[in-house]
């Protein structure tokens, strides 16, 4: 298994304070606080129903918490709107793959460049000079990502015909096309075999190390989490029960009792 390399961890760029989220009478998140530092890989773990995906949805504005504040790069928000999150450099992948299945790999990744496009729809439709130059620049960037993730051989293939593991890689590529400073990964290795997980671990570490991208990820494979994460926050039934470096979390009695089990 690829392990986390020494990386220059920076200052706190994201702070979540006393976040509470409820759907009707069901509490998804209850008074949760933690932070994320620049350039780190921050894992969120916990059993099914712990509130992990809800927390990612709060960070990028899909859900609005009833209580708490979000501070991203010094800007305090009661809620994070999705378009503000995207404009400020927050991108994400999803637990259930959200790609355009009938489109090619290349075209799917190109959709991640939308925020980088400055020319109008009419200019693109008419292929005016500035629009053409922008199209070339965006395609060049997408081709770099395709090379980086080693998916050159499927660049023209319809996404819907690809194996699950490759679709996950394409979704990562689309998120990277937005050039995020903070990347949210919701179970990027779910459903993969051992070889596919090893590849994805390598790519996650390379995104973090070579691009300098800060990563927050949800993952159920504890071997992966303990190997590649700098810090881990543990949720259980919407409450935080652990937070620290992997060794601290692994040895926490509360975490062992609630999630890891004595065998771990």
Protein backbone atom coordinates (compact mmCIF):
# COMPACT_ATOMS: atom_id res chain seq x y z
CA UNK A 1 0.00 0.00 0.00
CA UNK A 2 1.25 3.50 -0.85
CA UNK A 3 1.81 5.56 2.28
CA UNK A 4 1.64 9.26 3.00
CA UNK A 5 4.85 11.13 2.22
CA UNK A 6 6.15 14.04 4.24
CA UNK A 7 4.32 17.15 3.00
CA UNK A 8 4.53 20.76 4.16
CA UNK A 9 1.26 21.14 6.07
CA UNK A 10 0.15 24.77 6.22
CA UNK A 11 -2.22 26.88 8.26
CA UNK A 12 -5.90 26.19 8.85
CA UNK A 13 -7.93 27.05 5.73
CA UNK A 14 -11.31 25.55 6.70
CA UNK A 15 -12.97 25.64 10.11
CA UNK A 16 -16.32 24.11 10.98
CA UNK A 17 -17.69 25.26 14.34
CA UNK A 18 -20.62 23.73 16.20
CA UNK A 19 -22.29 22.42 13.03
CA UNK A 20 -25.74 20.92 13.59
CA UNK A 21 -27.95 19.60 10.82
CA UNK A 22 -31.38 17.98 11.14
CA UNK A 23 -33.94 16.60 8.72
CA UNK A 24 -37.27 16.84 10.45
CA UNK A 25 -36.73 15.23 13.82
CA UNK A 26 -33.62 13.31 12.74
CA UNK A 27 -30.26 14.81 13.73
CA UNK A 28 -27.69 14.13 11.01
CA UNK A 29 -24.97 16.23 12.66
CA UNK A 30 -24.86 17.42 16.26
CA UNK A 31 -22.50 20.19 17.41
CA UNK A 32 -19.50 19.09 15.31
CA UNK A 33 -16.32 21.16 15.15
CA UNK A 34 -13.03 20.46 13.36
CA UNK A 35 -10.61 22.16 11.00
CA UNK A 36 -8.63 21.39 7.86
CA UNK A 37 -5.08 22.58 7.21
CA UNK A 38 -3.66 23.54 3.85
CA UNK A 39 -2.02 20.67 1.91
CA UNK A 40 -3.15 17.96 4.32
CA UNK A 41 -5.21 14.85 3.67
CA UNK A 42 -8.02 14.95 6.24
CA UNK A 43 -10.12 11.79 6.55
CA UNK A 44 -13.66 11.53 7.90
CA UNK A 45 -14.58 8.03 9.07
CA UNK A 46 -17.47 6.37 10.88
CA UNK A 47 -20.08 3.65 10.43
CA UNK A 48 -22.92 3.92 7.94
CA UNK A 49 -25.32 6.68 8.95
CA UNK A 50 -22.67 8.55 10.95
CA UNK A 51 -23.16 11.80 9.01
CA UNK A 52 -20.02 11.74 6.86
CA UNK A 53 -21.60 12.60 3.50
CA UNK A 54 -23.85 15.14 5.22
CA UNK A 55 -20.73 16.90 6.45
CA UNK A 56 -19.27 17.09 2.93
CA UNK A 57 -22.63 18.44 1.74
CA UNK A 58 -22.44 21.15 4.40
CA UNK A 59 -18.91 22.11 3.35
CA UNK A 60 -19.79 22.61 -0.32
CA UNK A 61 -23.21 24.11 0.31
CA UNK A 62 -25.61 21.35 -0.70
CA UNK A 63 -27.00 21.29 2.86
CA UNK A 64 -27.51 24.30 5.11
CA UNK A 65 -26.89 23.61 8.80
CA UNK A 66 -29.40 24.94 11.32
CA UNK A 67 -26.55 25.88 13.65
CA UNK A 68 -22.85 26.62 13.38
CA UNK A 69 -20.46 28.54 11.13
CA UNK A 70 -18.10 27.71 8.28
CA UNK A 71 -14.89 29.68 7.80
CA UNK A 72 -13.01 29.18 4.53
CA UNK A 73 -9.82 31.15 3.92
CA UNK A 74 -10.80 33.74 6.52
CA UNK A 75 -14.36 34.30 5.26
CA UNK A 76 -17.02 33.38 7.82
CA UNK A 77 -20.32 32.02 6.51
CA UNK A 78 -23.48 30.83 8.16
CA UNK A 79 -24.05 28.72 5.05
CA UNK A 80 -21.84 27.93 2.08
CA UNK A 81 -23.70 28.33 -1.21
CA UNK A 82 -22.70 25.72 -3.85
CA UNK A 83 -21.73 28.35 -6.43
CA UNK A 84 -19.64 30.22 -3.86
CA UNK A 85 -17.91 26.99 -2.88
CA UNK A 86 -17.09 26.20 -6.51
CA UNK A 87 -15.93 29.75 -7.24
CA UNK A 88 -13.69 29.70 -4.16
CA UNK A 89 -11.98 26.51 -5.28
CA UNK A 90 -13.93 23.69 -3.60
CA UNK A 91 -14.65 20.65 -5.80
CA UNK A 92 -15.96 17.20 -4.96
CA UNK A 93 -16.70 13.69 -6.13
CA UNK A 94 -19.72 11.70 -5.05
CA UNK A 95 -20.41 8.37 -3.37
CA UNK A 96 -22.63 7.47 -6.32
CA UNK A 97 -20.86 8.30 -9.56
CA UNK A 98 -22.34 11.45 -11.13
CA UNK A 99 -21.02 11.44 -14.70
CA UNK A 100 -22.68 11.93 -18.09
CA UNK A 101 -22.77 8.28 -19.12
CA UNK A 102 -23.40 8.89 -22.83
CA UNK A 103 -20.54 11.36 -23.20
CA UNK A 104 -16.88 10.52 -23.77
CA UNK A 105 -14.26 10.63 -21.04
CA UNK A 106 -12.75 13.75 -22.60
CA UNK A 107 -16.08 15.59 -22.78
CA UNK A 108 -16.96 14.65 -19.20
CA UNK A 109 -13.68 16.07 -17.95
CA UNK A 110 -14.16 19.20 -20.06
CA UNK A 111 -17.35 19.97 -18.11
CA UNK A 112 -15.13 20.51 -15.08
CA UNK A 113 -13.60 23.52 -16.88
CA UNK A 114 -16.87 25.50 -16.98
CA UNK A 115 -15.85 27.86 -14.19
CA UNK A 116 -12.59 28.57 -16.01
CA UNK A 117 -14.31 29.70 -19.19
CA UNK A 118 -14.58 33.46 -19.69
CA UNK A 119 -16.08 33.69 -23.18
CA UNK A 120 -19.83 33.66 -23.82
CA UNK A 121 -21.98 30.84 -25.14
CA UNK A 122 -22.49 32.78 -28.41
CA UNK A 123 -18.74 33.18 -28.91
CA UNK A 124 -18.27 29.44 -28.43
CA UNK A 125 -21.13 28.63 -30.77
CA UNK A 126 -19.65 30.86 -33.49
CA UNK A 127 -16.05 29.74 -32.81
CA UNK A 128 -14.78 33.30 -32.61
CA UNK A 129 -11.06 33.83 -32.06
CA UNK A 130 -11.09 34.36 -28.29
CA UNK A 131 -13.39 31.37 -27.79
CA UNK A 132 -11.15 29.17 -29.92
CA UNK A 133 -8.08 30.15 -27.93
CA UNK A 134 -9.89 29.42 -24.69
CA UNK A 135 -11.07 26.04 -26.02
CA UNK A 136 -7.49 25.09 -26.91
CA UNK A 137 -6.18 26.17 -23.50
CA UNK A 138 -8.89 24.19 -21.67
CA UNK A 139 -8.35 21.09 -23.78
CA UNK A 140 -4.61 21.29 -23.12
CA UNK A 141 -5.28 21.37 -19.38
CA UNK A 142 -7.69 18.42 -19.65
CA UNK A 143 -5.14 16.41 -21.65
CA UNK A 144 -2.58 17.01 -18.88
CA UNK A 145 -5.02 15.58 -16.33
CA UNK A 146 -5.75 12.59 -18.58
CA UNK A 147 -2.01 11.88 -18.74
CA UNK A 148 -1.64 12.41 -14.99
CA UNK A 149 -4.37 9.86 -14.19
CA UNK A 150 -3.16 7.44 -16.89
CA UNK A 151 -6.45 7.25 -18.79
CA UNK A 152 -5.17 8.14 -22.26
CA UNK A 153 -6.40 4.82 -23.65
CA UNK A 154 -10.05 5.59 -22.79
CA UNK A 155 -10.16 9.32 -23.55
CA UNK A 156 -12.69 8.87 -26.39
CA UNK A 157 -14.70 6.03 -24.81
CA UNK A 158 -18.28 6.60 -23.58
CA UNK A 159 -18.13 6.74 -19.79
CA UNK A 160 -21.14 4.44 -19.38
CA UNK A 161 -19.25 1.55 -20.97
CA UNK A 162 -16.26 1.76 -18.64
CA UNK A 163 -15.60 -0.47 -15.60
CA UNK A 164 -16.57 1.02 -12.25
CA UNK A 165 -12.98 1.69 -11.16
CA UNK A 166 -12.22 3.69 -14.29
CA UNK A 167 -15.43 5.68 -13.92
CA UNK A 168 -14.26 6.66 -10.45
CA UNK A 169 -10.98 7.84 -11.96
CA UNK A 170 -12.82 9.89 -14.58
CA UNK A 171 -14.89 11.54 -11.86
CA UNK A 172 -11.67 12.46 -10.06
CA UNK A 173 -10.34 13.89 -13.33
CA UNK A 174 -13.43 16.05 -13.78
CA UNK A 175 -13.05 17.44 -10.25
CA UNK A 176 -9.35 18.17 -10.90
CA UNK A 177 -10.25 20.01 -14.11
CA UNK A 178 -11.73 22.77 -11.94
CA UNK A 179 -8.26 23.26 -10.39
CA UNK A 180 -9.58 23.13 -6.81
CA UNK A 181 -7.57 24.17 -3.79
CA UNK A 182 -9.84 21.96 -1.62
CA UNK A 183 -11.00 18.60 -2.97
CA UNK A 184 -13.78 16.63 -1.26
CA UNK A 185 -13.74 12.90 -2.04
CA UNK A 186 -16.77 10.85 -1.00
CA UNK A 187 -15.68 7.20 -0.82
CA UNK A 188 -13.31 7.38 -3.82
CA UNK A 189 -12.34 3.70 -3.43
CA UNK A 190 -15.74 2.15 -2.76
CA UNK A 191 -16.40 -0.97 -4.83
CA UNK A 192 -12.81 -1.29 -6.03
CA UNK A 193 -10.59 -4.35 -5.97
CA UNK A 194 -7.17 -4.30 -4.28
CA UNK A 195 -5.27 -3.23 -7.41
CA UNK A 196 -7.73 -0.43 -8.18
CA UNK A 197 -7.50 0.81 -4.58
CA UNK A 198 -3.71 0.89 -4.77
CA UNK A 199 -3.89 2.94 -7.96
CA UNK A 200 -6.41 5.37 -6.48
CA UNK A 201 -4.31 5.77 -3.31
CA UNK A 202 -1.34 6.66 -5.49
CA UNK A 203 -3.36 9.22 -7.44
CA UNK A 204 -4.79 10.81 -4.28
CA UNK A 205 -1.30 11.16 -2.84
CA UNK A 206 0.01 12.54 -6.13
CA UNK A 207 -2.83 15.11 -6.33
CA UNK A 208 -1.95 16.17 -2.80
CA UNK A 209 1.81 16.14 -3.30
CA UNK A 210 2.27 17.38 -6.86
CA UNK A 211 -0.68 19.78 -7.15
CA UNK A 212 -0.59 20.82 -3.49
CA UNK A 213 -4.35 20.20 -3.25
CA UNK A 214 -5.88 19.96 0.21
CA UNK A 215 -8.05 16.83 0.41
CA UNK A 216 -10.93 15.84 2.68
CA UNK A 217 -12.01 12.27 2.07
CA UNK A 218 -14.53 9.77 3.34
CA UNK A 219 -13.31 6.20 3.22
CA UNK A 220 -14.33 2.91 4.86
CA UNK A 221 -11.09 1.01 4.24
CA UNK A 222 -9.17 1.61 7.46
CA UNK A 223 -5.91 0.44 5.90
CA UNK A 224 -6.22 3.20 3.32
CA UNK A 225 -7.22 5.82 5.90
CA UNK A 226 -4.38 5.04 8.28
CA UNK A 227 -1.80 4.93 5.47
CA UNK A 228 -2.55 8.12 3.56
CA UNK A 229 -4.23 10.51 6.03
CA UNK A 230 -2.52 13.22 8.05
CA UNK A 231 -5.43 13.57 10.48
CA UNK A 232 -8.69 11.73 11.00
CA UNK A 233 -12.03 12.86 12.44
CA UNK A 234 -14.43 10.15 13.56
CA UNK A 235 -18.23 10.50 13.53
CA UNK A 236 -20.80 8.21 15.12
CA UNK A 237 -24.56 8.85 14.88
CA UNK A 238 -23.90 12.47 13.93
CA UNK A 239 -21.52 13.19 16.80
CA UNK A 240 -17.74 13.58 16.82
CA UNK A 241 -16.08 10.90 18.94
CA UNK A 242 -12.48 11.21 17.81
CA UNK A 243 -10.06 13.60 16.14
CA UNK A 244 -6.30 13.40 15.67
CA UNK A 245 -3.45 11.75 13.81
CA UNK A 246 -4.09 8.14 12.69
CA UNK A 247 -2.25 6.52 15.61
CA UNK A 248 -4.24 8.54 18.16
CA UNK A 249 -7.54 7.65 16.53
CA UNK A 250 -6.63 3.99 16.17
CA UNK A 251 -5.85 3.71 19.89
CA UNK A 252 -8.89 5.68 21.13
CA UNK A 253 -11.19 3.49 23.23
CA UNK A 254 -14.27 5.45 22.13
CA UNK A 255 -13.40 4.88 18.46
CA UNK A 256 -12.60 1.22 19.00
CA UNK A 257 -15.88 0.62 20.83
CA UNK A 258 -18.00 2.49 18.31
CA UNK A 259 -16.38 1.60 15.02
CA UNK A 260 -13.06 -0.17 14.71
CA UNK A 261 -13.73 -3.05 17.12
CA UNK A 262 -11.30 -4.93 19.28
CA UNK A 263 -9.89 -6.88 16.33
CA UNK A 264 -8.39 -3.68 14.87
